[in-house]
Amino acid sequence: MERVKFIFFGPLLIVLCFLLMTLGCRSGDNATVNVEKDQIEGSWSIVQAFRNGTPTTTMDGAVFNFLDGEFSSNVFGEARGDYTLSNDSLYTGLRNPEYFELVSFKDSLMMLRANIRGVRFEFELERKEDAIK
């Protein structure tokens, strides 16, 4: 009888442990990035951009500016907007893109994601040296 219990419960126990370890160690895509407005203030250079998951060079030399509560970029022409942060979303005050998803942030590195005119973009940004406070 002991052998029957082990044959049935042994594999079940192993699968259960594996599931708990997998779910417990997962960082998750739904993790919120906590950033305050003063942390992103400054000028940011696009280090790398992805268009629908494929690297693109069309953003070479592009800059995002977050200065005195205003967002601007040489990517979107002369448009400027008052930006706001809400959870992991950065609202630009512009029409397109209306907002960026804040994927990650650490000191002078930031990753943003947006849907621009039906195309998914990801931007890896680095704070410009002359903008460090």
C-alpha atoms as a PDB file:
ATOM      1  CA  MET A   1       0.000   0.000   0.000  1.00  0.00           C
ATOM      2  CA  GLU A   2       2.907   2.369   0.777  1.00  0.00           C
ATOM      3  CA  ARG A   3       4.315   1.812  -2.700  1.00  0.00           C
ATOM      4  CA  VAL A   4       0.986   2.749  -4.328  1.00  0.00           C
ATOM      5  CA  LYS A   5       0.868   6.008  -2.348  1.00  0.00           C
ATOM      6  CA  PHE A   6       4.397   6.910  -3.458  1.00  0.00           C
ATOM      7  CA  ILE A   7       3.726   6.063  -7.107  1.00  0.00           C
ATOM      8  CA  PHE A   8       0.672   8.333  -7.120  1.00  0.00           C
ATOM      9  CA  PHE A   9       1.746  11.165  -4.798  1.00  0.00           C
ATOM     10  CA  GLY A  10       5.482  11.264  -5.634  1.00  0.00           C
ATOM     11  CA  PRO A  11       5.147  12.664  -9.188  1.00  0.00           C
ATOM     12  CA  LEU A  12       2.278  14.893  -8.066  1.00  0.00           C
ATOM     13  CA  LEU A  13       4.456  16.348  -5.314  1.00  0.00           C
ATOM     14  CA  ILE A  14       7.319  16.954  -7.766  1.00  0.00           C
ATOM     15  CA  VAL A  15       5.022  18.749 -10.239  1.00  0.00           C
ATOM     16  CA  LEU A  16       3.522  20.859  -7.455  1.00  0.00           C
ATOM     17  CA  CYS A  17       6.977  21.889  -6.182  1.00  0.00           C
ATOM     18  CA  PHE A  18       8.069  22.781  -9.711  1.00  0.00           C
ATOM     19  CA  LEU A  19       4.976  24.955 -10.246  1.00  0.00           C
ATOM     20  CA  LEU A  20       5.439  26.755  -6.936  1.00  0.00           C
ATOM     21  CA  MET A  21       9.108  27.465  -7.685  1.00  0.00           C
ATOM     22  CA  THR A  22       8.319  28.690 -11.190  1.00  0.00           C
ATOM     23  CA  LEU A  23       5.530  31.002 -10.111  1.00  0.00           C
ATOM     24  CA  GLY A  24       7.343  32.201  -6.997  1.00  0.00           C
ATOM     25  CA  CYS A  25      10.546  33.147  -8.814  1.00  0.00           C
ATOM     26  CA  ARG A  26       8.893  34.821 -11.768  1.00  0.00           C
ATOM     27  CA  SER A  27       9.406  38.577 -11.894  1.00  0.00           C
ATOM     28  CA  GLY A  28       6.313  38.979 -14.046  1.00  0.00           C
ATOM     29  CA  ASP A  29       5.527  41.301 -16.926  1.00  0.00           C
ATOM     30  CA  ASN A  30       2.950  43.038 -14.753  1.00  0.00           C
ATOM     31  CA  ALA A  31       5.472  44.406 -12.273  1.00  0.00           C
ATOM     32  CA  THR A  32       4.993  48.139 -11.829  1.00  0.00           C
ATOM     33  CA  VAL A  33       7.975  50.433 -12.316  1.00  0.00           C
ATOM     34  CA  ASN A  34       7.971  53.083  -9.598  1.00  0.00           C
ATOM     35  CA  VAL A  35       9.466  56.336 -10.851  1.00  0.00           C
ATOM     36  CA  GLU A  36       8.958  59.897  -9.709  1.00  0.00           C
ATOM     37  CA  LYS A  37       8.793  62.800 -12.138  1.00  0.00           C
ATOM     38  CA  ASP A  38      12.039  64.339 -10.873  1.00  0.00           C
ATOM     39  CA  GLN A  39      13.898  61.092 -11.654  1.00  0.00           C
ATOM     40  CA  ILE A  40      13.227  61.316 -15.389  1.00  0.00           C
ATOM     41  CA  GLU A  41      13.724  65.085 -15.752  1.00  0.00           C
ATOM     42  CA  GLY A  42      16.371  65.812 -18.358  1.00  0.00           C
ATOM     43  CA  SER A  43      17.340  64.842 -21.879  1.00  0.00           C
ATOM     44  CA  TRP A  44      17.530  61.214 -22.937  1.00  0.00           C
ATOM     45  CA  SER A  45      19.203  59.783 -26.058  1.00  0.00           C
ATOM     46  CA  ILE A  46      17.752  56.770 -27.819  1.00  0.00           C
ATOM     47  CA  VAL A  47      20.474  54.131 -27.644  1.00  0.00           C
ATOM     48  CA  GLN A  48      18.465  51.499 -29.480  1.00  0.00           C
ATOM     49  CA  ALA A  49      14.972  51.338 -30.938  1.00  0.00           C
ATOM     50  CA  PHE A  50      12.846  48.379 -31.979  1.00  0.00           C
ATOM     51  CA  ARG A  51      10.010  48.460 -34.478  1.00  0.00           C
ATOM     52  CA  ASN A  52       7.665  45.482 -34.055  1.00  0.00           C
ATOM     53  CA  GLY A  53      10.489  43.693 -32.203  1.00  0.00           C
ATOM     54  CA  THR A  54      13.110  44.298 -34.903  1.00  0.00           C
ATOM     55  CA  PRO A  55      16.001  46.741 -34.337  1.00  0.00           C
ATOM     56  CA  THR A  56      15.642  49.900 -36.405  1.00  0.00           C
ATOM     57  CA  THR A  57      18.102  52.693 -37.194  1.00  0.00           C
ATOM     58  CA  THR A  58      15.417  55.228 -38.106  1.00  0.00           C
ATOM     59  CA  MET A  59      15.643  56.614 -34.553  1.00  0.00           C
ATOM     60  CA  ASP A  60      19.408  57.195 -34.597  1.00  0.00           C
ATOM     61  CA  GLY A  61      20.178  60.592 -33.093  1.00  0.00           C
ATOM     62  CA  ALA A  62      16.725  60.903 -31.546  1.00  0.00           C
ATOM     63  CA  VAL A  63      16.280  62.561 -28.171  1.00  0.00           C
ATOM     64  CA  PHE A  64      13.431  62.597 -25.640  1.00  0.00           C
ATOM     65  CA  ASN A  65      13.274  65.653 -23.375  1.00  0.00           C
ATOM     66  CA  PHE A  66      11.470  65.789 -20.048  1.00  0.00           C
ATOM     67  CA  LEU A  67      12.101  69.341 -18.896  1.00  0.00           C
ATOM     68  CA  ASP A  68      10.077  71.366 -16.387  1.00  0.00           C
ATOM     69  CA  GLY A  69       7.072  69.064 -16.743  1.00  0.00           C
ATOM     70  CA  GLU A  70       7.099  69.269 -20.539  1.00  0.00           C
ATOM     71  CA  PHE A  71       7.771  66.425 -23.001  1.00  0.00           C
ATOM     72  CA  SER A  72       9.316  67.027 -26.407  1.00  0.00           C
ATOM     73  CA  SER A  73      11.288  64.993 -28.909  1.00  0.00           C
ATOM     74  CA  ASN A  74      12.914  65.440 -32.282  1.00  0.00           C
ATOM     75  CA  VAL A  75      11.077  62.249 -33.314  1.00  0.00           C
ATOM     76  CA  PHE A  76       7.649  63.877 -33.250  1.00  0.00           C
ATOM     77  CA  GLY A  77       8.478  67.209 -34.863  1.00  0.00           C
ATOM     78  CA  GLU A  78       7.806  70.458 -33.016  1.00  0.00           C
ATOM     79  CA  ALA A  79       5.085  68.968 -30.792  1.00  0.00           C
ATOM     80  CA  ARG A  80       5.308  69.553 -27.049  1.00  0.00           C
ATOM     81  CA  GLY A  81       3.074  68.404 -24.237  1.00  0.00           C
ATOM     82  CA  ASP A  82       2.806  68.479 -20.466  1.00  0.00           C
ATOM     83  CA  TYR A  83       3.716  64.964 -19.349  1.00  0.00           C
ATOM     84  CA  THR A  84       2.412  63.069 -16.336  1.00  0.00           C
ATOM     85  CA  LEU A  85       3.274  59.767 -14.710  1.00  0.00           C
ATOM     86  CA  SER A  86       0.686  57.283 -13.532  1.00  0.00           C
ATOM     87  CA  ASN A  87       1.854  53.890 -12.277  1.00  0.00           C
ATOM     88  CA  ASP A  88       3.937  52.525 -15.165  1.00  0.00           C
ATOM     89  CA  SER A  89       2.483  54.858 -17.823  1.00  0.00           C
ATOM     90  CA  LEU A  90       4.021  58.106 -18.982  1.00  0.00           C
ATOM     91  CA  TYR A  91       1.407  60.334 -20.619  1.00  0.00           C
ATOM     92  CA  THR A  92       3.035  62.680 -23.142  1.00  0.00           C
ATOM     93  CA  GLY A  93       0.361  65.334 -23.535  1.00  0.00           C
ATOM     94  CA  LEU A  94       0.602  64.634 -27.276  1.00  0.00           C
ATOM     95  CA  ARG A  95      -1.897  62.995 -29.544  1.00  0.00           C
ATOM     96  CA  ASN A  96       0.395  60.310 -30.955  1.00  0.00           C
ATOM     97  CA  PRO A  97       1.904  58.743 -28.977  1.00  0.00           C
ATOM     98  CA  GLU A  98      -0.492  59.596 -26.188  1.00  0.00           C
ATOM     99  CA  TYR A  99       1.503  57.575 -23.690  1.00  0.00           C
ATOM    100  CA  PHE A 100       4.521  55.325 -23.201  1.00  0.00           C
ATOM    101  CA  GLU A 101       4.608  52.225 -21.060  1.00  0.00           C
ATOM    102  CA  LEU A 102       7.535  52.539 -18.656  1.00  0.00           C
ATOM    103  CA  VAL A 103       9.127  49.095 -18.938  1.00  0.00           C
ATOM    104  CA  SER A 104      12.221  49.664 -16.795  1.00  0.00           C
ATOM    105  CA  PHE A 105      14.137  52.442 -15.105  1.00  0.00           C
ATOM    106  CA  LYS A 106      17.501  52.498 -13.366  1.00  0.00           C
ATOM    107  CA  ASP A 107      19.482  55.685 -12.730  1.00  0.00           C
ATOM    108  CA  SER A 108      20.483  56.809 -16.212  1.00  0.00           C
ATOM    109  CA  LEU A 109      18.811  54.019 -18.215  1.00  0.00           C
ATOM    110  CA  MET A 110      15.150  53.800 -19.158  1.00  0.00           C
ATOM    111  CA  MET A 111      13.102  51.599 -21.468  1.00  0.00           C
ATOM    112  CA  LEU A 112       9.810  52.801 -22.943  1.00  0.00           C
ATOM    113  CA  ARG A 113       7.244  51.023 -25.103  1.00  0.00           C
ATOM    114  CA  ALA A 114       4.566  52.661 -27.275  1.00  0.00           C
ATOM    115  CA  ASN A 115       2.141  52.007 -30.072  1.00  0.00           C
ATOM    116  CA  ILE A 116       2.700  54.740 -32.677  1.00  0.00           C
ATOM    117  CA  ARG A 117       0.295  54.807 -35.617  1.00  0.00           C
ATOM    118  CA  GLY A 118      -0.424  51.105 -35.175  1.00  0.00           C
ATOM    119  CA  VAL A 119       3.248  50.098 -34.927  1.00  0.00           C
ATOM    120  CA  ARG A 120       4.772  48.810 -31.690  1.00  0.00           C
ATOM    121  CA  PHE A 121       8.008  50.565 -30.705  1.00  0.00           C
ATOM    122  CA  GLU A 122      10.433  50.003 -27.853  1.00  0.00           C
ATOM    123  CA  PHE A 123      13.034  52.592 -26.932  1.00  0.00           C
ATOM    124  CA  GLU A 124      16.171  52.036 -24.874  1.00  0.00           C
ATOM    125  CA  LEU A 125      17.155  55.450 -23.537  1.00  0.00           C
ATOM    126  CA  GLU A 126      20.226  56.762 -21.786  1.00  0.00           C
ATOM    127  CA  ARG A 127      20.359  60.037 -19.882  1.00  0.00           C
ATOM    128  CA  LYS A 128      22.560  62.515 -21.730  1.00  0.00           C
ATOM    129  CA  GLU A 129      25.735  63.296 -19.777  1.00  0.00           C
ATOM    130  CA  ASP A 130      25.229  67.053 -19.852  1.00  0.00           C
ATOM    131  CA  ALA A 131      21.748  66.581 -18.358  1.00  0.00           C
ATOM    132  CA  ILE A 132      22.904  64.865 -15.157  1.00  0.00           C
ATOM    133  CA  LYS A 133      22.077  67.041 -12.173  1.00  0.00           C
END
